[in-house]
Structure formats: C-alpha cells, structure tokens
C-alpha atoms as a PDB file:
ATOM      1  CA  MET A   1      35.011-201.143  62.508  1.00  0.00           C
ATOM      2  CA  SER A   2      36.393-201.761  65.974  1.00  0.00           C
ATOM      3  CA  ASN A   3      34.168-203.155  68.679  1.00  0.00           C
ATOM      4  CA  ARG A   4      36.395-201.751  71.468  1.00  0.00           C
ATOM      5  CA  ARG A   5      34.406-199.868  74.005  1.00  0.00           C
ATOM      6  CA  LYS A   6      35.656-196.461  75.020  1.00  0.00           C
ATOM      7  CA  LEU A   7      36.664-196.420  78.663  1.00  0.00           C
ATOM      8  CA  PRO A   8      35.110-193.659  80.754  1.00  0.00           C
ATOM      9  CA  THR A   9      37.362-190.739  81.717  1.00  0.00           C
ATOM     10  CA  PRO A  10      38.351-191.085  85.369  1.00  0.00           C
ATOM     11  CA  ALA A  11      36.789-188.448  87.603  1.00  0.00           C
ATOM     12  CA  ARG A  12      39.078-185.794  89.079  1.00  0.00           C
ATOM     13  CA  PRO A  13      39.598-186.068  92.813  1.00  0.00           C
ATOM     14  CA  VAL A  14      37.613-183.550  94.846  1.00  0.00           C
ATOM     15  CA  VAL A  15      39.885-181.189  96.780  1.00  0.00           C
ATOM     16  CA  PRO A  16      38.288-180.077 100.038  1.00  0.00           C
ATOM     17  CA  THR A  17      37.952-176.318 100.410  1.00  0.00           C
ATOM     18  CA  ARG A  18      39.729-174.641 103.314  1.00  0.00           C
ATOM     19  CA  LYS A  19      36.879-172.898 105.023  1.00  0.00           C
ATOM     20  CA  GLY A  20      39.069-171.693 107.914  1.00  0.00           C
ATOM     21  CA  LYS A  21      41.474-169.670 105.743  1.00  0.00           C
ATOM     22  CA  PRO A  22      39.446-166.398 105.649  1.00  0.00           C
ATOM     23  CA  ILE A  23      39.071-166.531 109.445  1.00  0.00           C
ATOM     24  CA  LEU A  24      42.832-166.863 109.866  1.00  0.00           C
ATOM     25  CA  LYS A  25      43.393-163.868 107.594  1.00  0.00           C
ATOM     26  CA  VAL A  26      40.958-161.734 109.609  1.00  0.00           C
ATOM     27  CA  ALA A  27      42.559-162.818 112.913  1.00  0.00           C
ATOM     28  CA  ALA A  28      46.037-162.015 111.579  1.00  0.00           C
ATOM     29  CA  ALA A  29      44.863-158.592 110.400  1.00  0.00           C
ATOM     30  CA  ILE A  30      43.341-157.816 113.807  1.00  0.00           C
ATOM     31  CA  ILE A  31      46.552-158.840 115.573  1.00  0.00           C
ATOM     32  CA  ILE A  32      48.662-156.652 113.263  1.00  0.00           C
ATOM     33  CA  VAL A  33      46.382-153.652 113.812  1.00  0.00           C
ATOM     34  CA  ALA A  34      46.430-154.183 117.595  1.00  0.00           C
ATOM     35  CA  ILE A  35      50.224-154.375 117.654  1.00  0.00           C
ATOM     36  CA  THR A  36      50.523-151.260 115.500  1.00  0.00           C
ATOM     37  CA  VAL A  37      48.144-149.264 117.711  1.00  0.00           C
ATOM     38  CA  THR A  38      49.967-150.415 120.858  1.00  0.00           C
ATOM     39  CA  VAL A  39      53.355-149.406 119.444  1.00  0.00           C
ATOM     40  CA  VAL A  40      52.038-145.986 118.417  1.00  0.00           C
ATOM     41  CA  LEU A  41      50.486-145.390 121.840  1.00  0.00           C
ATOM     42  CA  LEU A  42      53.654-146.500 123.612  1.00  0.00           C
ATOM     43  CA  TYR A  43      55.680-144.133 121.471  1.00  0.00           C
ATOM     44  CA  MET A  44      53.348-141.170 121.799  1.00  0.00           C
ATOM     45  CA  ASN A  45      51.952-141.818 125.311  1.00  0.00           C
ATOM     46  CA  PRO A  46      50.025-138.528 125.269  1.00  0.00           C
ATOM     47  CA  THR A  47      49.199-136.532 128.383  1.00  0.00           C
ATOM     48  CA  VAL A  48      45.616-137.040 129.520  1.00  0.00           C
ATOM     49  CA  LYS A  49      45.628-134.770 132.564  1.00  0.00           C
ATOM     50  CA  SER A  50      48.014-132.324 134.207  1.00  0.00           C
ATOM     51  CA  ILE A  51      47.883-131.767 137.985  1.00  0.00           C
ATOM     52  CA  SER A  52      49.344-128.580 139.437  1.00  0.00           C
ATOM     53  CA  ASN A  53      50.513-128.175 142.997  1.00  0.00           C
ATOM     54  CA  THR A  54      48.705-126.829 146.027  1.00  0.00           C
ATOM     55  CA  PHE A  55      50.711-125.114 148.776  1.00  0.00           C
ATOM     56  CA  TYR A  56      50.148-126.063 152.390  1.00  0.00           C
ATOM     57  CA  ASP A  57      51.343-123.150 154.533  1.00  0.00           C
ATOM     58  CA  LYS A  58      50.706-124.406 158.077  1.00  0.00           C
ATOM     59  CA  PRO A  59      53.009-127.401 158.591  1.00  0.00           C
ATOM     60  CA  ILE A  60      53.619-128.620 162.118  1.00  0.00           C
ATOM     61  CA  VAL A  61      57.294-129.133 162.904  1.00  0.00           C
ATOM     62  CA  SER A  62      58.343-131.463 165.705  1.00  0.00           C
ATOM     63  CA  GLY A  63      62.086-132.013 165.908  1.00  0.00           C
ATOM     64  CA  LYS A  64      63.112-133.140 162.427  1.00  0.00           C
ATOM     65  CA  LYS A  65      59.626-134.186 161.324  1.00  0.00           C
ATOM     66  CA  VAL A  66      57.146-132.146 159.314  1.00  0.00           C
ATOM     67  CA  ALA A  67      53.442-132.997 159.601  1.00  0.00           C
ATOM     68  CA  ILE A  68      50.476-132.004 157.445  1.00  0.00           C
ATOM     69  CA  PRO A  69      46.919-133.407 157.309  1.00  0.00           C
ATOM     70  CA  TYR A  70      46.566-136.735 155.510  1.00  0.00           C
ATOM     71  CA  ASP A  71      43.285-135.741 153.843  1.00  0.00           C
ATOM     72  CA  PHE A  72      44.818-132.554 152.449  1.00  0.00           C
ATOM     73  CA  VAL A  73      47.401-134.527 150.477  1.00  0.00           C
ATOM     74  CA  LYS A  74      44.945-137.270 149.514  1.00  0.00           C
ATOM     75  CA  ASP A  75      42.487-134.753 148.093  1.00  0.00           C
ATOM     76  CA  ARG A  76      44.966-132.435 146.306  1.00  0.00           C
ATOM     77  CA  ARG A  77      47.328-135.208 145.125  1.00  0.00           C
ATOM     78  CA  LEU A  78      50.309-132.856 144.723  1.00  0.00           C
ATOM     79  CA  VAL A  79      51.272-130.654 147.664  1.00  0.00           C
ATOM     80  CA  PHE A  80      54.174-128.249 148.188  1.00  0.00           C
ATOM     81  CA  VAL A  81      55.364-127.395 151.714  1.00  0.00           C
ATOM     82  CA  ASP A  82      57.997-124.840 152.692  1.00  0.00           C
ATOM     83  CA  VAL A  83      59.614-125.297 156.097  1.00  0.00           C
ATOM     84  CA  LYS A  84      61.738-122.548 157.597  1.00  0.00           C
ATOM     85  CA  PHE A  85      65.367-123.265 158.463  1.00  0.00           C
ATOM     86  CA  SER A  86      66.633-122.166 161.856  1.00  0.00           C
ATOM     87  CA  GLN A  87      69.319-120.304 159.893  1.00  0.00           C
ATOM     88  CA  LYS A  88      69.947-119.577 156.223  1.00  0.00           C
ATOM     89  CA  GLN A  89      71.395-122.368 154.118  1.00  0.00           C
ATOM     90  CA  GLY A  90      73.667-122.013 151.113  1.00  0.00           C
ATOM     91  CA  SER A  91      74.030-125.573 149.890  1.00  0.00           C
ATOM     92  CA  VAL A  92      73.580-129.031 151.349  1.00  0.00           C
ATOM     93  CA  THR A  93      75.255-132.261 150.244  1.00  0.00           C
ATOM     94  CA  TYR A  94      73.050-135.319 150.561  1.00  0.00           C
ATOM     95  CA  GLN A  95      73.547-138.777 149.026  1.00  0.00           C
ATOM     96  CA  GLY A  96      76.527-137.450 147.092  1.00  0.00           C
ATOM     97  CA  ARG A  97      74.494-134.645 145.501  1.00  0.00           C
ATOM     98  CA  THR A  98      74.648-130.919 146.226  1.00  0.00           C
ATOM     99  CA  PHE A  99      71.439-128.896 146.524  1.00  0.00           C
ATOM    100  CA  TRP A 100      71.661-125.113 146.349  1.00  0.00           C
ATOM    101  CA  PHE A 101      68.934-123.945 148.697  1.00  0.00           C
ATOM    102  CA  GLU A 102      70.257-120.378 148.519  1.00  0.00           C
ATOM    103  CA  LEU A 103      68.558-120.214 145.110  1.00  0.00           C
ATOM    104  CA  TYR A 104      65.132-120.668 146.730  1.00  0.00           C
ATOM    105  CA  ARG A 105      63.626-117.941 148.896  1.00  0.00           C
ATOM    106  CA  LYS A 106      67.076-116.641 149.891  1.00  0.00           C
ATOM    107  CA  GLY A 107      68.012-119.961 151.478  1.00  0.00           C
ATOM    108  CA  GLU A 108      65.552-119.503 154.333  1.00  0.00           C
ATOM    109  CA  TYR A 109      63.200-122.405 153.544  1.00  0.00           C
ATOM    110  CA  LEU A 110      63.395-126.139 152.871  1.00  0.00           C
ATOM    111  CA  PRO A 111      61.129-126.940 149.897  1.00  0.00           C
ATOM    112  CA  LEU A 112      59.247-130.242 150.236  1.00  0.00           C
ATOM    113  CA  ILE A 113      56.828-132.091 147.980  1.00  0.00           C
ATOM    114  CA  LEU A 114      54.201-134.752 148.722  1.00  0.00           C
ATOM    115  CA  TRP A 115      52.098-136.661 146.229  1.00  0.00           C
ATOM    116  CA  VAL A 116      49.785-139.629 145.883  1.00  0.00           C
ATOM    117  CA  ALA A 117      51.492-142.436 143.955  1.00  0.00           C
ATOM    118  CA  PRO A 118      49.565-144.737 141.558  1.00  0.00           C
ATOM    119  CA  SER A 119      49.624-147.388 144.305  1.00  0.00           C
ATOM    120  CA  GLY A 120      47.629-145.030 146.537  1.00  0.00           C
ATOM    121  CA  LEU A 121      50.577-144.492 148.886  1.00  0.00           C
ATOM    122  CA  ILE A 122      51.681-140.977 149.783  1.00  0.00           C
ATOM    123  CA  LYS A 123      55.302-140.221 148.957  1.00  0.00           C
ATOM    124  CA  GLY A 124      57.483-137.281 149.960  1.00  0.00           C
ATOM    125  CA  ALA A 125      60.776-135.734 148.854  1.00  0.00           C
ATOM    126  CA  VAL A 126      62.871-132.600 148.859  1.00  0.00           C
ATOM    127  CA  ARG A 127      61.382-130.466 146.097  1.00  0.00           C
ATOM    128  CA  VAL A 128      64.382-129.890 143.875  1.00  0.00           C
ATOM    129  CA  CYS A 129      65.468-131.025 140.427  1.00  0.00           C
ATOM    130  CA  GLU A 130      69.237-131.309 140.297  1.00  0.00           C
ATOM    131  CA  PRO A 131      71.323-130.092 138.554  1.00  0.00           C
ATOM    132  CA  CYS A 132      68.909-127.552 136.988  1.00  0.00           C
ATOM    133  CA  SER A 133      67.960-126.380 140.520  1.00  0.00           C
ATOM    134  CA  SER A 134      64.267-126.059 139.759  1.00  0.00           C
ATOM    135  CA  PHE A 135      61.900-126.072 142.724  1.00  0.00           C
ATOM    136  CA  SER A 136      58.650-126.599 140.868  1.00  0.00           C
ATOM    137  CA  MET A 137      57.044-129.748 139.439  1.00  0.00           C
ATOM    138  CA  ARG A 138      53.701-131.013 138.232  1.00  0.00           C
ATOM    139  CA  ILE A 139      52.077-134.403 137.740  1.00  0.00           C
ATOM    140  CA  GLU A 140      51.193-135.566 134.245  1.00  0.00           C
ATOM    141  CA  GLU A 141      48.789-138.455 133.924  1.00  0.00           C
ATOM    142  CA  ARG A 142      49.631-139.978 130.588  1.00  0.00           C
ATOM    143  CA  LEU A 143      47.787-142.674 128.699  1.00  0.00           C
ATOM    144  CA  LEU A 144      50.162-145.403 129.880  1.00  0.00           C
ATOM    145  CA  SER A 145      51.915-143.868 132.890  1.00  0.00           C
ATOM    146  CA  GLN A 146      51.855-141.248 135.649  1.00  0.00           C
ATOM    147  CA  GLU A 147      54.878-138.987 135.861  1.00  0.00           C
ATOM    148  CA  LEU A 148      56.390-136.215 137.957  1.00  0.00           C
ATOM    149  CA  VAL A 149      57.686-133.493 135.629  1.00  0.00           C
ATOM    150  CA  CYS A 150      60.128-130.646 136.290  1.00  0.00           C
ATOM    151  CA  VAL A 151      58.593-127.444 134.891  1.00  0.00           C
ATOM    152  CA  VAL A 152      62.021-126.010 133.988  1.00  0.00           C
ATOM    153  CA  CYS A 153      64.030-128.765 132.282  1.00  0.00           C
ATOM    154  CA  PHE A 154      61.071-131.135 131.683  1.00  0.00           C
ATOM    155  CA  SER A 155      62.861-134.127 133.164  1.00  0.00           C
ATOM    156  CA  ARG A 156      60.383-136.898 133.951  1.00  0.00           C
ATOM    157  CA  TRP A 157      60.246-139.499 136.692  1.00  0.00           C
ATOM    158  CA  ASN A 158      57.937-142.420 137.387  1.00  0.00           C
ATOM    159  CA  LEU A 159      55.445-141.250 139.986  1.00  0.00           C
ATOM    160  CA  GLU A 160      55.686-144.451 142.032  1.00  0.00           C
ATOM    161  CA  ASP A 161      59.423-144.601 142.697  1.00  0.00           C
ATOM    162  CA  LEU A 162      60.919-141.526 140.927  1.00  0.00           C
ATOM    163  CA  ARG A 163      62.744-143.775 138.485  1.00  0.00           C
ATOM    164  CA  GLY A 164      64.109-141.620 135.642  1.00  0.00           C
ATOM    165  CA  ILE A 165      62.163-141.712 132.370  1.00  0.00           C
ATOM    166  CA  LYS A 166      63.455-138.802 130.321  1.00  0.00           C
ATOM    167  CA  GLY A 167      65.565-135.695 130.864  1.00  0.00           C
ATOM    168  CA  GLN A 168      66.495-132.633 128.814  1.00  0.00           C
ATOM    169  CA  CYS A 169      68.570-130.893 131.445  1.00  0.00           C
ATOM    170  CA  ALA A 170      72.360-130.854 131.085  1.00  0.00           C
ATOM    171  CA  GLY A 171      74.156-133.585 132.972  1.00  0.00           C
ATOM    172  CA  ASP A 172      72.393-136.519 134.578  1.00  0.00           C
ATOM    173  CA  SER A 173      69.115-134.945 135.651  1.00  0.00           C
ATOM    174  CA  VAL A 174      67.168-137.993 134.529  1.00  0.00           C
ATOM    175  CA  TYR A 175      69.052-139.949 137.197  1.00  0.00           C
ATOM    176  CA  ALA A 176      68.799-137.213 139.823  1.00  0.00           C
ATOM    177  CA  PRO A 177      65.167-136.976 140.918  1.00  0.00           C
ATOM    178  CA  PRO A 178      63.981-135.128 144.022  1.00  0.00           C
ATOM    179  CA  PRO A 179      65.540-137.105 146.913  1.00  0.00           C
ATOM    180  CA  LEU A 180      62.909-139.235 148.628  1.00  0.00           C
ATOM    181  CA  MET A 181      62.346-138.731 152.345  1.00  0.00           C
ATOM    182  CA  PRO A 182      60.872-141.257 154.817  1.00  0.00           C
ATOM    183  CA  ILE A 183      57.092-140.911 155.189  1.00  0.00           C
ATOM    184  CA  SER A 184      54.833-142.178 157.963  1.00  0.00           C
ATOM    185  CA  THR A 185      51.145-141.883 158.764  1.00  0.00           C
ATOM    186  CA  VAL A 186      50.373-141.000 162.377  1.00  0.00           C
ATOM    187  CA  GLY A 187      46.673-140.658 163.102  1.00  0.00           C
ATOM    188  CA  GLN A 188      45.306-138.139 160.615  1.00  0.00           C
ATOM    189  CA  GLU A 189      48.735-136.737 159.758  1.00  0.00           C
ATOM    190  CA  ILE A 190      51.423-137.445 157.198  1.00  0.00           C
ATOM    191  CA  GLN A 191      54.891-136.953 158.642  1.00  0.00           C
ATOM    192  CA  ILE A 192      58.054-136.385 156.618  1.00  0.00           C
ATOM    193  CA  ASP A 193      61.307-137.195 158.369  1.00  0.00           C
ATOM    194  CA  VAL A 194      64.044-134.823 157.131  1.00  0.00           C
ATOM    195  CA  SER A 195      66.634-135.741 159.774  1.00  0.00           C
ATOM    196  CA  ALA A 196      68.884-137.380 157.158  1.00  0.00           C
ATOM    197  CA  LEU A 197      69.584-133.934 155.682  1.00  0.00           C
ATOM    198  CA  GLY A 198      71.258-132.855 158.922  1.00  0.00           C
ATOM    199  CA  LEU A 199      69.505-129.502 158.916  1.00  0.00           C
ATOM    200  CA  SER A 200      67.678-127.660 161.681  1.00  0.00           C
ATOM    201  CA  ILE A 201      64.112-126.563 160.927  1.00  0.00           C
ATOM    202  CA  VAL A 202      61.710-124.449 162.975  1.00  0.00           C
ATOM    203  CA  GLY A 203      58.448-124.384 161.023  1.00  0.00           C
END
C-alpha cells in the first residue's frame, strides 16, 4: 500500500462578473429607439397647425411703398394685400422670371403677402407661385419646421427664407418661391418696397 498523499485539486480561478454589461445593453437599446423615432419623425414631419390668410384691404401707398399696421401682421401671422395698379398689367419679368398678373383680378391688382417668420421677423413678397401661377398660400406649422405652402401645386418653402423644400408643380416651382420684397418697420407700420418691379401702383 502506497503512502503517497493525494495532492489537493487546485481551485479554479474566480472570474469577475461584468456588472456593467446589462446597463450598456439598456443604453444601446435606448439610443437605437431614439434614433428610430427621430428618423420616422423627420420622414413624416406631420402638420401640427395650418394658418390661413387674412386680407388687409386698406393699405397706404406712398410712391412705391405699401404700408400696413405692424400689429395687424404680428397678430394674424399671414396677411394678403392687394394693391391697385395705375393701369392693367399683363405680365411682368422680374429676376429672370415672368409673372402673369393678368390671371389675377383681371390684371388690375398687385398681390402681396406678409408673414411672421420663425425668427419673429416680418417678411414680405409678391404673392405668386411660379410657374403654376397660383396666388394663394397658407402656413403649415409642422413638427420639425414651418413652411409656406402653395394651395394649388402644394410646393413648399421654408418660412424663414423661402428656400425650396418640395414641389409637385411642373417645372422648377420648388426653386421659384414668391419673390421676396424689401421690408422695413417705420413707427407702427410695416412697409413693403415694390420699386424693383418697375410698376406704378395707386392703392
């Protein structure tokens, strides 16, 4: 009989548990969900509110400038103004684009639009979508943007600078927003300078 003593079995090394692993998985899942939701919202960007126009029918014309009350625009946010030409107009070429005013009120009025941009500034333009020759627009406040929308061809422009967003009209309507006009605030009035059009207006 052997007197050799049996050596004890060496203990297995203890492997430390990774306690942080479940936290990393949860964080990764949250990030993935957030990215997915953001992508879906960016793609859909649903309309939250639609703002229709209000007409202002008593503009004050002085030379080539059209004035309306500042508070009227600030409160309504989207204002249409029609200014009478001194004589009927068929079409006008401005900035390389042709606008057919004869299609609006027999060519007797210059259609203008004023709105409050997201920055809080008031902007103004000739109220025409070219080349579809629509003279009506609305504002759509979407989840991630504010846009000016043509009610005929549904072309869309960024409300701050009229940068094209989307257009369904034939041609390049997405690149042809209502032409911006210079705006100034004088006292309690907003004045639109339309002298660049080279047209005579009387009120």
